[in-house]
PDB file of N, CA and C in Angstrom:
ATOM      1  N   GLN A   1      63.843  57.235  95.846  1.00  0.00           N
ATOM      2  CA  GLN A   1      63.059  57.157  97.052  1.00  0.00           C
ATOM      3  C   GLN A   1      63.760  56.229  98.044  1.00  0.00           C
ATOM      4  N   VAL A   2      63.947  56.720  99.258  1.00  0.00           N
ATOM      5  CA  VAL A   2      64.628  55.954 100.287  1.00  0.00           C
ATOM      6  C   VAL A   2      63.693  54.890 100.839  1.00  0.00           C
ATOM      7  N   GLN A   3      64.244  53.693 100.998  1.00  0.00           N
ATOM      8  CA  GLN A   3      63.491  52.587 101.567  1.00  0.00           C
ATOM      9  C   GLN A   3      63.869  52.423 103.032  1.00  0.00           C
ATOM     10  N   MET A   4      62.909  52.643 103.908  1.00  0.00           N
ATOM     11  CA  MET A   4      63.085  52.431 105.339  1.00  0.00           C
ATOM     12  C   MET A   4      61.844  51.732 105.850  1.00  0.00           C
ATOM     13  N   VAL A   5      62.029  50.518 106.313  1.00  0.00           N
ATOM     14  CA  VAL A   5      60.918  49.674 106.718  1.00  0.00           C
ATOM     15  C   VAL A   5      61.050  49.332 108.188  1.00  0.00           C
ATOM     16  N   GLU A   6      60.048  49.711 108.963  1.00  0.00           N
ATOM     17  CA  GLU A   6      60.025  49.470 110.399  1.00  0.00           C
ATOM     18  C   GLU A   6      59.096  48.316 110.732  1.00  0.00           C
ATOM     19  N   SER A   7      59.412  47.635 111.830  1.00  0.00           N
ATOM     20  CA  SER A   7      58.571  46.562 112.317  1.00  0.00           C
ATOM     21  C   SER A   7      58.802  46.383 113.808  1.00  0.00           C
ATOM     22  N   GLY A   8      57.922  45.643 114.450  1.00  0.00           N
ATOM     23  CA  GLY A   8      58.100  45.287 115.849  1.00  0.00           C
ATOM     24  C   GLY A   8      57.146  45.947 116.821  1.00  0.00           C
ATOM     25  N   GLY A   9      56.383  46.929 116.370  1.00  0.00           N
ATOM     26  CA  GLY A   9      55.434  47.569 117.253  1.00  0.00           C
ATOM     27  C   GLY A   9      54.279  46.653 117.600  1.00  0.00           C
ATOM     28  N   GLY A  10      53.524  47.054 118.601  1.00  0.00           N
ATOM     29  CA  GLY A  10      52.389  46.257 119.014  1.00  0.00           C
ATOM     30  C   GLY A  10      51.889  46.658 120.378  1.00  0.00           C
ATOM     31  N   LEU A  11      51.060  45.803 120.935  1.00  0.00           N
ATOM     32  CA  LEU A  11      50.461  46.015 122.246  1.00  0.00           C
ATOM     33  C   LEU A  11      51.165  45.145 123.269  1.00  0.00           C
ATOM     34  N   VAL A  12      51.559  45.746 124.381  1.00  0.00           N
ATOM     35  CA  VAL A  12      52.261  45.018 125.427  1.00  0.00           C
ATOM     36  C   VAL A  12      51.836  45.565 126.783  1.00  0.00           C
ATOM     37  N   GLN A  13      51.856  44.710 127.790  1.00  0.00           N
ATOM     38  CA  GLN A  13      51.541  45.146 129.139  1.00  0.00           C
ATOM     39  C   GLN A  13      52.724  45.868 129.767  1.00  0.00           C
ATOM     40  N   ALA A  14      52.424  46.745 130.709  1.00  0.00           N
ATOM     41  CA  ALA A  14      53.475  47.436 131.443  1.00  0.00           C
ATOM     42  C   ALA A  14      54.452  46.428 132.042  1.00  0.00           C
ATOM     43  N   GLY A  15      55.732  46.743 131.938  1.00  0.00           N
ATOM     44  CA  GLY A  15      56.777  45.850 132.401  1.00  0.00           C
ATOM     45  C   GLY A  15      57.303  44.909 131.337  1.00  0.00           C
ATOM     46  N   GLY A  16      56.617  44.832 130.220  1.00  0.00           N
ATOM     47  CA  GLY A  16      57.019  43.955 129.145  1.00  0.00           C
ATOM     48  C   GLY A  16      58.064  44.572 128.239  1.00  0.00           C
ATOM     49  N   SER A  17      58.380  43.857 127.163  1.00  0.00           N
ATOM     50  CA  SER A  17      59.434  44.268 126.246  1.00  0.00           C
ATOM     51  C   SER A  17      58.977  44.168 124.801  1.00  0.00           C
ATOM     52  N   LEU A  18      59.560  45.008 123.971  1.00  0.00           N
ATOM     53  CA  LEU A  18      59.400  44.953 122.532  1.00  0.00           C
ATOM     54  C   LEU A  18      60.736  45.272 121.884  1.00  0.00           C
ATOM     55  N   ARG A  19      60.942  44.745 120.693  1.00  0.00           N
ATOM     56  CA  ARG A  19      62.130  45.054 119.913  1.00  0.00           C
ATOM     57  C   ARG A  19      61.712  45.590 118.561  1.00  0.00           C
ATOM     58  N   LEU A  20      62.045  46.839 118.294  1.00  0.00           N
ATOM     59  CA  LEU A  20      61.750  47.460 117.022  1.00  0.00           C
ATOM     60  C   LEU A  20      62.922  47.288 116.067  1.00  0.00           C
ATOM     61  N   SER A  21      62.620  47.112 114.797  1.00  0.00           N
ATOM     62  CA  SER A  21      63.639  46.986 113.769  1.00  0.00           C
ATOM     63  C   SER A  21      63.366  47.973 112.652  1.00  0.00           C
ATOM     64  N   CYS A  22      64.419  48.457 112.027  1.00  0.00           N
ATOM     65  CA  CYS A  22      64.309  49.351 110.887  1.00  0.00           C
ATOM     66  C   CYS A  22      65.376  48.973 109.875  1.00  0.00           C
ATOM     67  N   VAL A  23      64.943  48.570 108.697  1.00  0.00           N
ATOM     68  CA  VAL A  23      65.854  48.233 107.614  1.00  0.00           C
ATOM     69  C   VAL A  23      65.891  49.401 106.638  1.00  0.00           C
ATOM     70  N   ALA A  24      67.069  49.933 106.405  1.00  0.00           N
ATOM     71  CA  ALA A  24      67.253  51.057 105.503  1.00  0.00           C
ATOM     72  C   ALA A  24      68.048  50.632 104.283  1.00  0.00           C
ATOM     73  N   SER A  25      68.015  51.447 103.232  1.00  0.00           N
ATOM     74  CA  SER A  25      68.845  51.177 102.070  1.00  0.00           C
ATOM     75  C   SER A  25      70.311  51.288 102.458  1.00  0.00           C
ATOM     76  N   ARG A  26      71.147  50.503 101.815  1.00  0.00           N
ATOM     77  CA  ARG A  26      72.561  50.449 102.172  1.00  0.00           C
ATOM     78  C   ARG A  26      73.248  51.804 102.044  1.00  0.00           C
ATOM     79  N   THR A  27      72.939  52.546 100.981  1.00  0.00           N
ATOM     80  CA  THR A  27      73.602  53.821 100.746  1.00  0.00           C
ATOM     81  C   THR A  27      73.295  54.835 101.845  1.00  0.00           C
ATOM     82  N   ILE A  28      72.107  54.780 102.392  1.00  0.00           N
ATOM     83  CA  ILE A  28      71.731  55.671 103.478  1.00  0.00           C
ATOM     84  C   ILE A  28      72.311  55.191 104.804  1.00  0.00           C
ATOM     85  N   PHE A  29      72.146  53.904 105.067  1.00  0.00           N
ATOM     86  CA  PHE A  29      72.538  53.348 106.347  1.00  0.00           C
ATOM     87  C   PHE A  29      74.043  53.452 106.587  1.00  0.00           C
ATOM     88  N   SER A  30      74.828  53.246 105.556  1.00  0.00           N
ATOM     89  CA  SER A  30      76.269  53.123 105.715  1.00  0.00           C
ATOM     90  C   SER A  30      76.965  54.435 106.059  1.00  0.00           C
ATOM     91  N   ILE A  31      76.367  55.574 105.761  1.00  0.00           N
ATOM     92  CA  ILE A  31      77.038  56.854 105.970  1.00  0.00           C
ATOM     93  C   ILE A  31      76.305  57.790 106.925  1.00  0.00           C
ATOM     94  N   ASN A  32      75.182  57.377 107.448  1.00  0.00           N
ATOM     95  CA  ASN A  32      74.372  58.252 108.284  1.00  0.00           C
ATOM     96  C   ASN A  32      74.226  57.739 109.701  1.00  0.00           C
ATOM     97  N   PRO A  33      74.181  58.655 110.656  1.00  0.00           N
ATOM     98  CA  PRO A  33      73.705  58.234 111.977  1.00  0.00           C
ATOM     99  C   PRO A  33      72.237  57.856 111.881  1.00  0.00           C
ATOM    100  N   MET A  34      71.827  56.975 112.763  1.00  0.00           N
ATOM    101  CA  MET A  34      70.451  56.515 112.780  1.00  0.00           C
ATOM    102  C   MET A  34      69.832  56.840 114.130  1.00  0.00           C
ATOM    103  N   GLY A  35      68.524  56.931 114.145  1.00  0.00           N
ATOM    104  CA  GLY A  35      67.867  57.243 115.393  1.00  0.00           C
ATOM    105  C   GLY A  35      66.441  56.742 115.442  1.00  0.00           C
ATOM    106  N   TRP A  36      65.931  56.735 116.653  1.00  0.00           N
ATOM    107  CA  TRP A  36      64.525  56.455 116.897  1.00  0.00           C
ATOM    108  C   TRP A  36      63.896  57.667 117.574  1.00  0.00           C
ATOM    109  N   TYR A  37      62.738  58.056 117.089  1.00  0.00           N
ATOM    110  CA  TYR A  37      61.946  59.125 117.660  1.00  0.00           C
ATOM    111  C   TYR A  37      60.557  58.586 117.953  1.00  0.00           C
ATOM    112  N   ARG A  38      59.833  59.275 118.799  1.00  0.00           N
ATOM    113  CA  ARG A  38      58.469  58.847 119.079  1.00  0.00           C
ATOM    114  C   ARG A  38      57.556  60.056 119.222  1.00  0.00           C
ATOM    115  N   GLN A  39      56.300  59.830 118.917  1.00  0.00           N
ATOM    116  CA  GLN A  39      55.294  60.871 119.024  1.00  0.00           C
ATOM    117  C   GLN A  39      54.052  60.289 119.678  1.00  0.00           C
ATOM    118  N   ALA A  40      53.760  60.766 120.865  1.00  0.00           N
ATOM    119  CA  ALA A  40      52.570  60.351 121.580  1.00  0.00           C
ATOM    120  C   ALA A  40      51.378  61.163 121.087  1.00  0.00           C
ATOM    121  N   PRO A  41      50.169  60.649 121.260  1.00  0.00           N
ATOM    122  CA  PRO A  41      48.984  61.383 120.810  1.00  0.00           C
ATOM    123  C   PRO A  41      48.920  62.787 121.401  1.00  0.00           C
ATOM    124  N   GLY A  42      48.750  63.788 120.539  1.00  0.00           N
ATOM    125  CA  GLY A  42      48.637  65.160 120.983  1.00  0.00           C
ATOM    126  C   GLY A  42      49.932  65.815 121.414  1.00  0.00           C
ATOM    127  N   LYS A  43      51.068  65.150 121.223  1.00  0.00           N
ATOM    128  CA  LYS A  43      52.350  65.694 121.647  1.00  0.00           C
ATOM    129  C   LYS A  43      53.320  65.783 120.481  1.00  0.00           C
ATOM    130  N   GLN A  44      54.393  66.549 120.663  1.00  0.00           N
ATOM    131  CA  GLN A  44      55.409  66.710 119.636  1.00  0.00           C
ATOM    132  C   GLN A  44      56.297  65.474 119.543  1.00  0.00           C
ATOM    133  N   ARG A  45      56.859  65.280 118.357  1.00  0.00           N
ATOM    134  CA  ARG A  45      57.795  64.199 118.163  1.00  0.00           C
ATOM    135  C   ARG A  45      59.082  64.481 118.931  1.00  0.00           C
ATOM    136  N   GLN A  46      59.582  63.471 119.633  1.00  0.00           N
ATOM    137  CA  GLN A  46      60.755  63.648 120.476  1.00  0.00           C
ATOM    138  C   GLN A  46      61.778  62.558 120.229  1.00  0.00           C
ATOM    139  N   LEU A  47      63.027  62.906 120.464  1.00  0.00           N
ATOM    140  CA  LEU A  47      64.130  61.968 120.343  1.00  0.00           C
ATOM    141  C   LEU A  47      64.037  60.881 121.401  1.00  0.00           C
ATOM    142  N   VAL A  48      64.291  59.647 120.996  1.00  0.00           N
ATOM    143  CA  VAL A  48      64.393  58.523 121.914  1.00  0.00           C
ATOM    144  C   VAL A  48      65.844  58.090 122.059  1.00  0.00           C
ATOM    145  N   ALA A  49      66.494  57.810 120.940  1.00  0.00           N
ATOM    146  CA  ALA A  49      67.871  57.333 120.958  1.00  0.00           C
ATOM    147  C   ALA A  49      68.500  57.537 119.598  1.00  0.00           C
ATOM    148  N   THR A  50      69.821  57.710 119.578  1.00  0.00           N
ATOM    149  CA  THR A  50      70.569  57.819 118.329  1.00  0.00           C
ATOM    150  C   THR A  50      71.811  56.955 118.403  1.00  0.00           C
ATOM    151  N   ILE A  51      72.312  56.589 117.240  1.00  0.00           N
ATOM    152  CA  ILE A  51      73.548  55.827 117.149  1.00  0.00           C
ATOM    153  C   ILE A  51      74.316  56.289 115.925  1.00  0.00           C
ATOM    154  N   THR A  52      75.613  56.551 116.095  1.00  0.00           N
ATOM    155  CA  THR A  52      76.449  56.999 114.998  1.00  0.00           C
ATOM    156  C   THR A  52      76.929  55.819 114.177  1.00  0.00           C
ATOM    157  N   THR A  53      77.573  56.120 113.053  1.00  0.00           N
ATOM    158  CA  THR A  53      78.132  55.055 112.232  1.00  0.00           C
ATOM    159  C   THR A  53      79.208  54.280 112.980  1.00  0.00           C
ATOM    160  N   GLY A  54      79.834  54.909 113.965  1.00  0.00           N
ATOM    161  CA  GLY A  54      80.840  54.248 114.771  1.00  0.00           C
ATOM    162  C   GLY A  54      80.297  53.525 115.984  1.00  0.00           C
ATOM    163  N   GLY A  55      78.993  53.614 116.218  1.00  0.00           N
ATOM    164  CA  GLY A  55      78.378  52.874 117.304  1.00  0.00           C
ATOM    165  C   GLY A  55      78.180  53.644 118.594  1.00  0.00           C
ATOM    166  N   ARG A  56      78.486  54.936 118.606  1.00  0.00           N
ATOM    167  CA  ARG A  56      78.237  55.733 119.807  1.00  0.00           C
ATOM    168  C   ARG A  56      76.754  56.017 119.936  1.00  0.00           C
ATOM    169  N   THR A  57      76.243  55.955 121.159  1.00  0.00           N
ATOM    170  CA  THR A  57      74.812  56.069 121.398  1.00  0.00           C
ATOM    171  C   THR A  57      74.477  57.222 122.327  1.00  0.00           C
ATOM    172  N   ASN A  58      73.271  57.734 122.173  1.00  0.00           N
ATOM    173  CA  ASN A  58      72.697  58.726 123.068  1.00  0.00           C
ATOM    174  C   ASN A  58      71.243  58.374 123.304  1.00  0.00           C
ATOM    175  N   TYR A  59      70.748  58.695 124.502  1.00  0.00           N
ATOM    176  CA  TYR A  59      69.388  58.357 124.880  1.00  0.00           C
ATOM    177  C   TYR A  59      68.707  59.524 125.559  1.00  0.00           C
ATOM    178  N   ALA A  60      67.397  59.602 125.361  1.00  0.00           N
ATOM    179  CA  ALA A  60      66.606  60.504 126.167  1.00  0.00           C
ATOM    180  C   ALA A  60      66.636  60.035 127.613  1.00  0.00           C
ATOM    181  N   ASP A  61      66.605  60.984 128.539  1.00  0.00           N
ATOM    182  CA  ASP A  61      66.662  60.626 129.951  1.00  0.00           C
ATOM    183  C   ASP A  61      65.536  59.678 130.354  1.00  0.00           C
ATOM    184  N   SER A  62      64.394  59.821 129.723  1.00  0.00           N
ATOM    185  CA  SER A  62      63.234  59.029 130.089  1.00  0.00           C
ATOM    186  C   SER A  62      63.377  57.547 129.765  1.00  0.00           C
ATOM    187  N   VAL A  63      64.335  57.195 128.902  1.00  0.00           N
ATOM    188  CA  VAL A  63      64.487  55.795 128.505  1.00  0.00           C
ATOM    189  C   VAL A  63      65.830  55.204 128.896  1.00  0.00           C
ATOM    190  N   LYS A  64      66.717  55.992 129.466  1.00  0.00           N
ATOM    191  CA  LYS A  64      68.028  55.489 129.857  1.00  0.00           C
ATOM    192  C   LYS A  64      67.893  54.331 130.837  1.00  0.00           C
ATOM    193  N   GLY A  65      68.651  53.281 130.572  1.00  0.00           N
ATOM    194  CA  GLY A  65      68.601  52.101 131.410  1.00  0.00           C
ATOM    195  C   GLY A  65      67.519  51.123 131.045  1.00  0.00           C
ATOM    196  N   ARG A  66      66.601  51.523 130.171  1.00  0.00           N
ATOM    197  CA  ARG A  66      65.508  50.649 129.764  1.00  0.00           C
ATOM    198  C   ARG A  66      65.570  50.292 128.283  1.00  0.00           C
ATOM    199  N   PHE A  67      65.983  51.250 127.449  1.00  0.00           N
ATOM    200  CA  PHE A  67      66.041  51.046 126.005  1.00  0.00           C
ATOM    201  C   PHE A  67      67.488  50.940 125.549  1.00  0.00           C
ATOM    202  N   THR A  68      67.708  50.162 124.505  1.00  0.00           N
ATOM    203  CA  THR A  68      69.026  50.029 123.910  1.00  0.00           C
ATOM    204  C   THR A  68      68.917  50.131 122.395  1.00  0.00           C
ATOM    205  N   ILE A  69      69.661  51.059 121.810  1.00  0.00           N
ATOM    206  CA  ILE A  69      69.728  51.173 120.359  1.00  0.00           C
ATOM    207  C   ILE A  69      70.991  50.475 119.876  1.00  0.00           C
ATOM    208  N   SER A  70      70.890  49.789 118.758  1.00  0.00           N
ATOM    209  CA  SER A  70      72.037  49.112 118.178  1.00  0.00           C
ATOM    210  C   SER A  70      71.885  49.091 116.669  1.00  0.00           C
ATOM    211  N   ARG A  71      72.974  48.784 115.981  1.00  0.00           N
ATOM    212  CA  ARG A  71      72.910  48.688 114.526  1.00  0.00           C
ATOM    213  C   ARG A  71      73.738  47.510 114.047  1.00  0.00           C
ATOM    214  N   ASP A  72      73.250  46.883 113.000  1.00  0.00           N
ATOM    215  CA  ASP A  72      73.934  45.779 112.353  1.00  0.00           C
ATOM    216  C   ASP A  72      74.264  46.247 110.947  1.00  0.00           C
ATOM    217  N   ASN A  73      75.519  46.600 110.721  1.00  0.00           N
ATOM    218  CA  ASN A  73      75.905  47.180 109.441  1.00  0.00           C
ATOM    219  C   ASN A  73      75.772  46.191 108.284  1.00  0.00           C
ATOM    220  N   ALA A  74      75.978  44.917 108.557  1.00  0.00           N
ATOM    221  CA  ALA A  74      75.865  43.913 107.508  1.00  0.00           C
ATOM    222  C   ALA A  74      74.429  43.763 107.028  1.00  0.00           C
ATOM    223  N   LYS A  75      73.467  44.044 107.904  1.00  0.00           N
ATOM    224  CA  LYS A  75      72.054  43.904 107.567  1.00  0.00           C
ATOM    225  C   LYS A  75      71.368  45.233 107.305  1.00  0.00           C
ATOM    226  N   ASN A  76      72.108  46.336 107.379  1.00  0.00           N
ATOM    227  CA  ASN A  76      71.542  47.677 107.189  1.00  0.00           C
ATOM    228  C   ASN A  76      70.337  47.898 108.094  1.00  0.00           C
ATOM    229  N   THR A  77      70.462  47.474 109.331  1.00  0.00           N
ATOM    230  CA  THR A  77      69.337  47.461 110.248  1.00  0.00           C
ATOM    231  C   THR A  77      69.706  48.134 111.565  1.00  0.00           C
ATOM    232  N   VAL A  78      68.799  48.953 112.063  1.00  0.00           N
ATOM    233  CA  VAL A  78      68.922  49.544 113.382  1.00  0.00           C
ATOM    234  C   VAL A  78      67.806  48.986 114.255  1.00  0.00           C
ATOM    235  N   TYR A  79      68.128  48.722 115.515  1.00  0.00           N
ATOM    236  CA  TYR A  79      67.184  48.128 116.446  1.00  0.00           C
ATOM    237  C   TYR A  79      66.956  49.052 117.635  1.00  0.00           C
ATOM    238  N   LEU A  80      65.808  48.901 118.242  1.00  0.00           N
ATOM    239  CA  LEU A  80      65.530  49.524 119.523  1.00  0.00           C
ATOM    240  C   LEU A  80      64.927  48.467 120.434  1.00  0.00           C
ATOM    241  N   GLN A  81      65.723  47.990 121.371  1.00  0.00           N
ATOM    242  CA  GLN A  81      65.244  47.050 122.368  1.00  0.00           C
ATOM    243  C   GLN A  81      64.636  47.839 123.513  1.00  0.00           C
ATOM    244  N   MET A  82      63.372  47.604 123.789  1.00  0.00           N
ATOM    245  CA  MET A  82      62.642  48.349 124.804  1.00  0.00           C
ATOM    246  C   MET A  82      62.222  47.399 125.906  1.00  0.00           C
ATOM    247  N   ASN A  83      62.765  47.603 127.089  1.00  0.00           N
ATOM    248  CA  ASN A  83      62.446  46.793 128.253  1.00  0.00           C
ATOM    249  C   ASN A  83      61.751  47.643 129.305  1.00  0.00           C
ATOM    250  N   SER A  84      61.129  46.974 130.256  1.00  0.00           N
ATOM    251  CA  SER A  84      60.440  47.652 131.357  1.00  0.00           C
ATOM    252  C   SER A  84      59.522  48.751 130.846  1.00  0.00           C
ATOM    253  N   LEU A  85      58.727  48.418 129.865  1.00  0.00           N
ATOM    254  CA  LEU A  85      57.870  49.415 129.224  1.00  0.00           C
ATOM    255  C   LEU A  85      56.822  49.957 130.186  1.00  0.00           C
ATOM    256  N   ARG A  86      56.527  51.222 130.008  1.00  0.00           N
ATOM    257  CA  ARG A  86      55.563  51.941 130.822  1.00  0.00           C
ATOM    258  C   ARG A  86      54.457  52.502 129.946  1.00  0.00           C
ATOM    259  N   PRO A  87      53.282  52.751 130.512  1.00  0.00           N
ATOM    260  CA  PRO A  87      52.209  53.344 129.705  1.00  0.00           C
ATOM    261  C   PRO A  87      52.625  54.648 129.030  1.00  0.00           C
ATOM    262  N   GLU A  88      53.483  55.435 129.648  1.00  0.00           N
ATOM    263  CA  GLU A  88      53.925  56.689 129.058  1.00  0.00           C
ATOM    264  C   GLU A  88      54.855  56.494 127.862  1.00  0.00           C
ATOM    265  N   ASP A  89      55.284  55.256 127.598  1.00  0.00           N
ATOM    266  CA  ASP A  89      56.040  54.956 126.393  1.00  0.00           C
ATOM    267  C   ASP A  89      55.143  54.792 125.173  1.00  0.00           C
ATOM    268  N   THR A  90      53.851  54.777 125.379  1.00  0.00           N
ATOM    269  CA  THR A  90      52.911  54.627 124.274  1.00  0.00           C
ATOM    270  C   THR A  90      53.077  55.760 123.274  1.00  0.00           C
ATOM    271  N   ALA A  91      53.328  55.411 122.021  1.00  0.00           N
ATOM    272  CA  ALA A  91      53.575  56.399 120.984  1.00  0.00           C
ATOM    273  C   ALA A  91      53.753  55.687 119.659  1.00  0.00           C
ATOM    274  N   VAL A  92      53.773  56.465 118.591  1.00  0.00           N
ATOM    275  CA  VAL A  92      54.242  55.973 117.312  1.00  0.00           C
ATOM    276  C   VAL A  92      55.743  56.201 117.265  1.00  0.00           C
ATOM    277  N   TYR A  93      56.490  55.156 116.985  1.00  0.00           N
ATOM    278  CA  TYR A  93      57.942  55.222 116.953  1.00  0.00           C
ATOM    279  C   TYR A  93      58.417  55.282 115.512  1.00  0.00           C
ATOM    280  N   TYR A  94      59.316  56.228 115.239  1.00  0.00           N
ATOM    281  CA  TYR A  94      59.812  56.466 113.889  1.00  0.00           C
ATOM    282  C   TYR A  94      61.303  56.214 113.799  1.00  0.00           C
ATOM    283  N   CYS A  95      61.701  55.504 112.781  1.00  0.00           N
ATOM    284  CA  CYS A  95      63.099  55.346 112.428  1.00  0.00           C
ATOM    285  C   CYS A  95      63.522  56.551 111.597  1.00  0.00           C
ATOM    286  N   ALA A  96      64.749  57.041 111.811  1.00  0.00           N
ATOM    287  CA  ALA A  96      65.238  58.205 111.089  1.00  0.00           C
ATOM    288  C   ALA A  96      66.706  58.044 110.744  1.00  0.00           C
ATOM    289  N   ALA A  97      67.114  58.685 109.660  1.00  0.00           N
ATOM    290  CA  ALA A  97      68.499  58.664 109.214  1.00  0.00           C
ATOM    291  C   ALA A  97      68.984  60.084 108.955  1.00  0.00           C
ATOM    292  N   GLY A  98      70.235  60.343 109.315  1.00  0.00           N
ATOM    293  CA  GLY A  98      70.824  61.654 109.125  1.00  0.00           C
ATOM    294  C   GLY A  98      70.704  62.512 110.367  1.00  0.00           C
ATOM    295  N   ILE A  99      71.465  63.608 110.397  1.00  0.00           N
ATOM    296  CA  ILE A  99      71.510  64.438 111.587  1.00  0.00           C
ATOM    297  C   ILE A  99      70.343  65.407 111.699  1.00  0.00           C
ATOM    298  N   SER A 100      69.641  65.654 110.610  1.00  0.00           N
ATOM    299  CA  SER A 100      68.517  66.596 110.640  1.00  0.00           C
ATOM    300  C   SER A 100      67.298  66.083 111.410  1.00  0.00           C
ATOM    301  N   PRO A 101      66.826  64.856 111.230  1.00  0.00           N
ATOM    302  CA  PRO A 101      67.194  63.838 110.239  1.00  0.00           C
ATOM    303  C   PRO A 101      66.674  64.169 108.845  1.00  0.00           C
ATOM    304  N   ASN A 102      67.285  63.552 107.851  1.00  0.00           N
ATOM    305  CA  ASN A 102      66.888  63.769 106.468  1.00  0.00           C
ATOM    306  C   ASN A 102      65.843  62.787 105.973  1.00  0.00           C
ATOM    307  N   TYR A 103      65.794  61.591 106.584  1.00  0.00           N
ATOM    308  CA  TYR A 103      64.915  60.543 106.108  1.00  0.00           C
ATOM    309  C   TYR A 103      64.156  59.942 107.276  1.00  0.00           C
ATOM    310  N   TRP A 104      62.924  59.562 107.000  1.00  0.00           N
ATOM    311  CA  TRP A 104      62.045  59.016 108.022  1.00  0.00           C
ATOM    312  C   TRP A 104      61.347  57.762 107.535  1.00  0.00           C
ATOM    313  N   GLY A 105      61.135  56.833 108.464  1.00  0.00           N
ATOM    314  CA  GLY A 105      60.279  55.702 108.193  1.00  0.00           C
ATOM    315  C   GLY A 105      58.824  56.073 108.386  1.00  0.00           C
ATOM    316  N   GLN A 106      57.953  55.106 108.185  1.00  0.00           N
ATOM    317  CA  GLN A 106      56.519  55.355 108.245  1.00  0.00           C
ATOM    318  C   GLN A 106      55.967  55.343 109.666  1.00  0.00           C
ATOM    319  N   GLY A 107      56.729  54.824 110.597  1.00  0.00           N
ATOM    320  CA  GLY A 107      56.305  54.730 111.977  1.00  0.00           C
ATOM    321  C   GLY A 107      55.683  53.392 112.307  1.00  0.00           C
ATOM    322  N   THR A 108      55.873  52.972 113.544  1.00  0.00           N
ATOM    323  CA  THR A 108      55.244  51.760 114.039  1.00  0.00           C
ATOM    324  C   THR A 108      54.692  52.052 115.437  1.00  0.00           C
ATOM    325  N   ARG A 109      53.475  51.631 115.675  1.00  0.00           N
ATOM    326  CA  ARG A 109      52.785  52.012 116.894  1.00  0.00           C
ATOM    327  C   ARG A 109      53.117  51.062 118.037  1.00  0.00           C
ATOM    328  N   VAL A 110      53.419  51.652 119.189  1.00  0.00           N
ATOM    329  CA  VAL A 110      53.654  50.912 120.421  1.00  0.00           C
ATOM    330  C   VAL A 110      52.627  51.353 121.445  1.00  0.00           C
ATOM    331  N   THR A 111      51.886  50.398 121.965  1.00  0.00           N
ATOM    332  CA  THR A 111      50.890  50.685 122.987  1.00  0.00           C
ATOM    333  C   THR A 111      51.193  49.857 124.221  1.00  0.00           C
ATOM    334  N   VAL A 112      51.353  50.523 125.344  1.00  0.00           N
ATOM    335  CA  VAL A 112      51.661  49.861 126.602  1.00  0.00           C
ATOM    336  C   VAL A 112      50.465  50.023 127.525  1.00  0.00           C
ATOM    337  N   SER A 113      49.844  48.921 127.871  1.00  0.00           N
ATOM    338  CA  SER A 113      48.670  48.954 128.726  1.00  0.00           C
ATOM    339  C   SER A 113      49.084  48.921 130.195  1.00  0.00           C
ATOM    340  N   PRO A 114      48.278  49.524 131.070  1.00  0.00           N
ATOM    341  CA  PRO A 114      48.607  49.558 132.492  1.00  0.00           C
ATOM    342  C   PRO A 114      48.662  48.175 133.119  1.00  0.00           C
TER     343      PRO A 114
END
């Protein structure tokens, strides 16, 4: 069973910031691209950002310039720094590993109040 533990979600006012963290097992983290996805109430799960094992990143247009994905290989951890948060960013955020992705975290809820 893959261990992926997310943290950092919570309630924040519009314009504020949150930093999400996801710790994965070493065997998964070391060979897989990692990503963050989100699912708003009543909507489909969508890509937020991805990062390859080499550190190349991609972002959804809606978060470009506001969110930053990064990874710390020594800590088997992927981060999502979220700045200038908007109410439309409200969603459950999921950590994922692999290109499918093959593995998912349990999700952490982010709520942005107006």
